[in-house]
Protein backbone atom coordinates (compact mmCIF):
# COMPACT_ATOMS: atom_id res chain seq x y z
CA UNK A 1 18.38 -14.40 -17.10
CA UNK A 2 16.05 -11.64 -16.76
CA UNK A 3 17.38 -8.06 -17.06
CA UNK A 4 17.23 -5.96 -13.77
CA UNK A 5 17.93 -2.16 -13.63
CA UNK A 6 17.57 0.45 -10.93
CA UNK A 7 14.55 2.62 -11.33
CA UNK A 8 12.45 4.85 -8.90
CA UNK A 9 9.11 3.73 -7.41
CA UNK A 10 7.06 6.25 -9.56
CA UNK A 11 8.95 5.00 -12.67
CA UNK A 12 8.18 1.25 -11.82
CA UNK A 13 4.63 2.15 -11.44
CA UNK A 14 4.66 4.17 -14.81
CA UNK A 15 6.37 1.04 -16.34
CA UNK A 16 3.54 -1.26 -15.01
CA UNK A 17 1.00 0.87 -16.45
CA UNK A 18 2.58 1.02 -19.72
CA UNK A 19 3.17 -2.80 -20.11
CA UNK A 20 -0.60 -3.62 -19.26
CA UNK A 21 -1.98 -0.86 -21.38
CA UNK A 22 -0.11 -2.28 -24.12
CA UNK A 23 -0.93 -5.75 -23.51
CA UNK A 24 -4.60 -5.07 -22.90
CA UNK A 25 -6.67 -2.64 -25.14
CA UNK A 26 -9.33 -2.69 -22.19
CA UNK A 27 -7.06 -1.15 -19.63
CA UNK A 28 -7.18 2.82 -19.49
CA UNK A 29 -6.16 5.40 -16.90
CA UNK A 30 -8.73 8.10 -15.34
CA UNK A 31 -8.37 10.74 -12.98
CA UNK A 32 -7.55 14.33 -12.11
CA UNK A 33 -4.52 15.71 -14.00
CA UNK A 34 -3.50 12.13 -15.22
CA UNK A 35 -2.94 13.09 -18.84
CA UNK A 36 -1.52 16.46 -19.84
CA UNK A 37 0.23 16.91 -16.27
CA UNK A 38 1.26 13.31 -16.06
CA UNK A 39 -0.01 13.00 -12.33
CA UNK A 40 0.72 15.13 -9.42
CA UNK A 41 3.55 12.76 -8.57
CA UNK A 42 4.47 11.88 -12.47
CA UNK A 43 3.23 8.19 -12.19
CA UNK A 44 1.36 8.59 -15.58
CA UNK A 45 3.91 10.75 -17.41
CA UNK A 46 4.18 9.87 -20.97
CA UNK A 47 0.93 7.53 -21.14
CA UNK A 48 -1.22 10.36 -22.83
CA UNK A 49 1.33 10.68 -25.47
CA UNK A 50 1.68 6.78 -25.92
CA UNK A 51 -2.10 5.77 -25.61
CA UNK A 52 -3.98 8.93 -26.40
CA UNK A 53 -6.98 10.99 -24.71
CA UNK A 54 -9.59 7.93 -24.94
CA UNK A 55 -7.34 5.80 -22.73
CA UNK A 56 -5.67 8.23 -20.42
CA UNK A 57 -8.62 10.58 -19.53
CA UNK A 58 -8.40 13.90 -17.56
CA UNK A 59 -11.51 14.34 -15.56
CA UNK A 60 -13.19 17.25 -13.89
CA UNK A 61 -12.56 17.35 -10.02
CA UNK A 62 -15.36 15.29 -8.97
CA UNK A 63 -14.15 12.23 -6.92
CA UNK A 64 -17.58 10.68 -6.92
CA UNK A 65 -17.74 10.80 -10.64
CA UNK A 66 -14.32 9.28 -11.10
CA UNK A 67 -15.21 6.38 -8.91
CA UNK A 68 -18.67 5.96 -10.59
CA UNK A 69 -17.45 6.12 -13.95
CA UNK A 70 -14.68 3.46 -12.66
CA UNK A 71 -17.29 1.03 -11.46
CA UNK A 72 -19.39 1.69 -14.48
CA UNK A 73 -17.01 0.78 -16.94
CA UNK A 74 -15.39 -2.21 -14.90
CA UNK A 75 -18.94 -3.70 -14.87
CA UNK A 76 -19.24 -3.35 -19.01
CA UNK A 77 -15.78 -5.34 -19.50
CA UNK A 78 -13.33 -2.46 -19.32
CA UNK A 79 -10.21 -2.65 -16.93
CA UNK A 80 -10.00 1.00 -15.63
CA UNK A 81 -7.29 2.39 -13.41
CA UNK A 82 -8.50 5.43 -11.56
CA UNK A 83 -6.19 7.74 -9.74
CA UNK A 84 -7.13 9.86 -6.62
CA UNK A 85 -4.59 12.51 -5.87
CA UNK A 86 -4.90 11.87 -2.17
CA UNK A 87 -6.45 9.03 -0.30
CA UNK A 88 -8.06 11.71 1.62
CA UNK A 89 -10.49 12.61 -1.26
CA UNK A 90 -11.77 9.09 -1.35
CA UNK A 91 -14.00 9.96 1.63
CA UNK A 92 -16.05 11.91 -1.27
CA UNK A 93 -16.37 8.44 -3.21
CA UNK A 94 -17.31 6.28 -0.38
CA UNK A 95 -20.60 5.30 -1.63
CA UNK A 96 -18.98 4.25 -5.02
CA UNK A 97 -16.06 2.26 -3.49
CA UNK A 98 -17.71 0.81 -0.35
CA UNK A 99 -21.23 0.18 -1.59
CA UNK A 100 -20.87 -0.58 -5.16
CA UNK A 101 -17.39 -1.74 -6.40
CA UNK A 102 -17.12 -3.80 -3.10
CA UNK A 103 -20.50 -5.45 -3.23
CA UNK A 104 -21.62 -5.85 -6.67
CA UNK A 105 -19.91 -9.15 -7.49
CA UNK A 106 -21.57 -10.59 -4.39
CA UNK A 107 -25.07 -9.02 -5.22
CA UNK A 108 -24.77 -10.46 -8.58
CA UNK A 109 -24.14 -13.81 -7.47
CA UNK A 110 -20.89 -13.69 -9.16
CA UNK A 111 -22.30 -12.86 -12.47
CA UNK A 112 -20.76 -9.68 -12.57
CA UNK A 113 -16.71 -8.79 -12.12
CA UNK A 114 -15.38 -5.49 -11.03
CA UNK A 115 -11.86 -5.50 -12.39
CA UNK A 116 -11.25 -1.92 -11.03
CA UNK A 117 -8.00 -0.40 -9.74
CA UNK A 118 -8.01 2.42 -7.40
CA UNK A 119 -4.56 4.00 -6.92
CA UNK A 120 -3.98 6.85 -4.20
CA UNK A 121 -0.91 8.26 -2.29
CA UNK A 122 -1.33 8.22 1.45
CA UNK A 123 0.08 9.87 4.67
CA UNK A 124 2.15 12.98 5.07
CA UNK A 125 5.61 14.06 4.86
CA UNK A 126 5.49 17.15 2.36
CA UNK A 127 3.59 19.66 4.46
CA UNK A 128 0.14 19.51 2.93
CA UNK A 129 -1.65 19.46 6.12
CA UNK A 130 -4.65 17.69 7.73
CA UNK A 131 -6.80 17.13 4.84
CA UNK A 132 -4.05 15.76 2.33
CA UNK A 133 -1.87 13.56 4.78
CA UNK A 134 -3.79 10.82 6.01
CA UNK A 135 -3.29 7.41 6.29
CA UNK A 136 -6.68 5.47 5.81
CA UNK A 137 -6.05 1.98 4.98
CA UNK A 138 -7.65 0.54 7.93
CA UNK A 139 -11.11 2.03 6.66
CA UNK A 140 -11.00 0.00 3.35
CA UNK A 141 -9.52 -3.36 4.96
CA UNK A 142 -12.44 -3.45 6.99
CA UNK A 143 -14.66 -3.78 3.92
CA UNK A 144 -15.69 -7.23 2.50
CA UNK A 145 -15.04 -7.26 -1.27
CA UNK A 146 -12.04 -4.94 -1.47
CA UNK A 147 -8.29 -5.88 -1.92
CA UNK A 148 -5.89 -3.48 -0.25
CA UNK A 149 -2.17 -3.48 -1.62
CA UNK A 150 0.52 -1.14 -0.01
CA UNK A 151 4.05 -1.88 -1.55
CA UNK A 152 7.16 -0.46 -0.07
CA UNK A 153 9.79 -0.59 -3.04
CA UNK A 154 9.92 -0.15 -6.68
CA UNK A 155 10.15 -3.82 -7.80
CA UNK A 156 6.93 -4.63 -5.25
CA UNK A 157 5.11 -1.53 -6.88
CA UNK A 158 5.65 -2.95 -10.50
CA UNK A 159 4.71 -6.50 -9.83
CA UNK A 160 1.88 -5.86 -7.52
CA UNK A 161 0.31 -3.08 -9.82
CA UNK A 162 0.45 -5.38 -12.81
CA UNK A 163 -1.41 -8.37 -10.85
CA UNK A 164 -3.89 -5.80 -9.53
CA UNK A 165 -4.82 -4.62 -13.08
CA UNK A 166 -5.29 -8.31 -13.98
CA UNK A 167 -7.31 -8.98 -11.11
CA UNK A 168 -11.13 -9.36 -11.80
CA UNK A 169 -11.93 -7.83 -8.16
CA UNK A 170 -11.50 -4.04 -7.00
CA UNK A 171 -8.13 -3.35 -5.70
CA UNK A 172 -7.07 -0.26 -3.75
CA UNK A 173 -3.49 0.40 -4.44
CA UNK A 174 -1.95 2.60 -1.99
CA UNK A 175 1.44 4.44 -2.36
CA UNK A 176 3.19 6.46 0.11
CA UNK A 177 4.31 9.57 -1.34
CA UNK A 178 7.74 9.76 0.32
CA UNK A 179 8.41 6.50 -1.59
CA UNK A 180 8.12 7.80 -5.21
CA UNK A 181 11.79 9.06 -5.45
CA UNK A 182 13.08 5.97 -3.92
CA UNK A 183 15.26 3.81 -6.43
CA UNK A 184 15.78 0.01 -6.46
CA UNK A 185 16.28 -2.92 -8.76
CA UNK A 186 13.18 -3.99 -10.87
CA UNK A 187 13.20 -6.71 -13.49
CA UNK A 188 12.50 -5.65 -16.87
CA UNK A 189 10.17 -8.62 -17.92
CA UNK A 190 6.80 -7.74 -18.82
CA UNK A 191 5.32 -10.97 -17.01
CA UNK A 192 6.93 -9.88 -13.89
CA UNK A 193 3.86 -10.33 -11.35
CA UNK A 194 3.68 -10.49 -7.52
CA UNK A 195 0.63 -12.26 -6.36
CA UNK A 196 -1.56 -10.74 -3.76
CA UNK A 197 -1.54 -12.05 -0.38
CA UNK A 198 2.19 -12.93 -0.02
CA UNK A 199 4.35 -11.44 2.47
CA UNK A 200 8.08 -10.98 2.15
CA UNK A 201 10.78 -11.29 4.90
CA UNK A 202 12.97 -8.51 3.85
CA UNK A 203 15.45 -9.11 6.92
CA UNK A 204 16.00 -12.47 8.62
CA UNK A 205 16.29 -12.19 12.48
CA UNK A 206 15.83 -14.46 15.69
CA UNK A 207 15.08 -11.90 18.56
CA UNK A 208 11.75 -10.03 17.32
CA UNK A 209 9.44 -9.95 14.66
CA UNK A 210 9.16 -6.48 13.07
CA UNK A 211 6.11 -6.15 10.68
CA UNK A 212 5.85 -2.93 8.72
CA UNK A 213 3.87 -1.93 5.48
CA UNK A 214 4.65 0.62 2.79
CA UNK A 215 6.93 3.59 3.96
CA UNK A 216 7.75 1.98 7.15
CA UNK A 217 9.56 -0.91 5.67
CA UNK A 218 12.57 1.20 4.94
CA UNK A 219 12.40 2.79 8.40
CA UNK A 220 12.15 -0.58 10.06
CA UNK A 221 15.03 -1.88 8.05
CA UNK A 222 17.06 0.88 9.13
CA UNK A 223 16.01 0.51 12.80
CA UNK A 224 16.91 -3.31 12.54
CA UNK A 225 20.41 -2.39 11.27
CA UNK A 226 21.10 -0.15 14.24
CA UNK A 227 19.80 -2.87 16.54
CA UNK A 228 21.98 -5.30 15.17
CA UNK A 229 25.12 -3.37 16.32
CA UNK A 230 23.36 -3.54 20.01
CA UNK A 231 23.11 -7.61 19.55
CA UNK A 232 19.20 -7.52 18.67
CA UNK A 233 18.66 -9.22 15.47
CA UNK A 234 15.04 -8.12 14.32
CA UNK A 235 13.10 -10.18 11.50
CA UNK A 236 11.55 -7.48 9.35
CA UNK A 237 8.07 -8.55 7.24
CA UNK A 238 6.46 -6.54 4.78
CA UNK A 239 2.91 -7.78 4.32
CA UNK A 240 2.78 -6.08 0.81
CA UNK A 241 -0.88 -6.86 0.69
CA UNK A 242 -2.59 -5.58 3.52
CA UNK A 243 -5.86 -7.55 2.60
CA UNK A 244 -5.83 -10.51 1.83
CA UNK A 245 -3.06 -10.83 4.51
CA UNK A 246 -0.40 -13.33 4.68
CA UNK A 247 -0.76 -14.09 8.33
CA UNK A 248 0.94 -17.61 8.04
CA UNK A 249 4.35 -15.62 7.32
CA UNK A 250 3.93 -13.46 10.39
CA UNK A 251 2.76 -16.29 12.74
CA UNK A 252 5.70 -18.48 11.62
CA UNK A 253 8.07 -15.65 12.58
CA UNK A 254 6.52 -14.99 15.86
CA UNK A 255 6.76 -18.62 16.62
CA UNK A 256 10.62 -18.28 16.09
CA UNK A 257 11.35 -15.15 17.73
CA UNK A 258 8.53 -15.04 20.38
CA UNK A 259 8.11 -11.26 20.11
CA UNK A 260 6.18 -9.00 18.14
CA UNK A 261 6.39 -5.21 17.01
CA UNK A 262 3.93 -3.86 14.67
CA UNK A 263 4.40 -0.59 12.68
CA UNK A 264 2.02 1.26 10.73
CA UNK A 265 1.47 5.08 9.47
CA UNK A 266 -2.06 5.07 10.14
CA UNK A 267 -3.68 6.46 13.39
CA UNK A 268 -2.94 4.15 16.48
CA UNK A 269 -6.62 3.72 17.66
CA UNK A 270 -8.38 1.54 15.51
CA UNK A 271 -5.86 1.20 13.07
CA UNK A 272 -4.35 -1.56 10.81
CA UNK A 273 -1.63 -2.09 13.44
CA UNK A 274 -4.55 -3.44 15.93
CA UNK A 275 -5.64 -5.77 13.18
CA UNK A 276 -2.34 -7.41 12.75
CA UNK A 277 -2.03 -7.76 16.80
CA UNK A 278 -5.23 -9.36 16.88
CA UNK A 279 -4.37 -11.87 14.21
CA UNK A 280 -1.37 -12.90 16.21
CA UNK A 281 -3.00 -12.92 19.53
CA UNK A 282 -5.46 -15.41 17.90
CA UNK A 283 -3.22 -17.55 16.13
CA UNK A 284 -0.04 -17.36 18.19
CA UNK A 285 -0.78 -16.12 21.80
CA UNK A 286 1.13 -18.96 23.55
CA UNK A 287 4.34 -18.29 21.16
CA UNK A 288 4.79 -14.78 22.79
CA UNK A 289 7.08 -14.26 25.66
CA UNK A 290 6.31 -10.36 25.74
CA UNK A 291 3.55 -7.70 25.24
CA UNK A 292 3.10 -6.90 21.54
CA UNK A 293 4.41 -3.38 20.85
CA UNK A 294 3.02 -1.10 18.08
CA UNK A 295 4.38 2.12 16.61
CA UNK A 296 1.85 4.46 14.71
CA UNK A 297 1.13 7.73 13.84
CA UNK A 298 -0.14 9.89 16.94
CA UNK A 299 -3.82 10.45 17.34
CA UNK A 300 -3.68 13.78 15.83
CA UNK A 301 -4.60 15.80 12.53
CA UNK A 302 -1.36 16.05 10.49
CA UNK A 303 0.38 19.47 11.06
CA UNK A 304 1.98 21.43 8.34
CA UNK A 305 4.98 22.51 10.36
CA UNK A 306 7.85 20.00 9.55
CA UNK A 307 8.85 19.79 13.19
CA UNK A 308 5.16 19.03 14.23
CA UNK A 309 4.87 16.63 11.19
CA UNK A 310 7.72 14.63 12.29
CA UNK A 311 6.36 14.51 15.62
CA UNK A 312 3.24 12.90 14.39
CA UNK A 313 4.81 10.39 11.86
CA UNK A 314 6.38 7.17 12.61
CA UNK A 315 10.12 7.44 12.93
CA UNK A 316 12.94 4.94 12.94
CA UNK A 317 13.95 5.77 16.54
CA UNK A 318 10.40 4.88 17.74
CA UNK A 319 10.38 1.55 15.98
CA UNK A 320 14.15 0.86 17.59
CA UNK A 321 12.96 1.48 20.97
CA UNK A 322 9.59 -0.55 20.60
CA UNK A 323 12.09 -3.44 19.68
CA UNK A 324 14.28 -2.91 22.38
CA UNK A 325 11.15 -2.77 24.79
CA UNK A 326 10.16 -6.07 23.53
CA UNK A 327 13.22 -7.95 23.77
CA UNK A 328 13.68 -6.70 27.57
CA UNK A 329 10.46 -7.72 28.76
């Protein structure tokens, strides 16, 4: 029987890094302030002391250089885990990630592999403003050759990060900063792995399917609990992996509930929620008894003031109201 204890999301990520670095000497960590500081959100805390400066590397403030070094080291057989302090800063490294990491396996006819993990916190919630608060996952889901992961709880964070590090393809591992302190049960076993492309039904229900990734999962679960008191049973699905997407689990749920609400922290226009809606429309249109509802961040730069920030970000109340609208239609 495997031992399970309650630890935080950040601690689960830290534990996954420690276990994989201990298991495989080719795994190393690189990024701004990942060593002496232990990461802005303490995810790499203690790794420098455990593995030394050759495997936990503090870099200059140069995202293009960090990503380029990650791609180059992966090409010659290492397994780098690079960290961007914020996903916003990945815009500086788009050439390295989109044109090189995502393409080189294809362009070499499969002769080269790219075992690169790119970690980055996403979205707002801590008042850092428009240039440090974006949720850009839809950009990267759009690119062939990249896998995109967004865990919502500590156990998923650990199991998915371990799997990502063992993958021979580039994986973007996106972590919502408001989840780092969240605690939950996590298995201790070192071979605890969660495969990419497998969604999880977090709550069963018959009235409406509610699909939500990352930070929006606990919001969706809270909304579903409130709706249950009104007689509406929402089925909450966490994709866990945005790409590859487990469309089959979502479609099977829609066939049962005949209604769909999609939630995403990214912007509404051209966002990941729109992709989920399109998938269901293509595969399960005739199962729908009502228009699909989506709840996303408002199409505006993220403010600093808490009241304005809350007005832009997805809320539990908005999710609940979207479900009521879908059921009433």
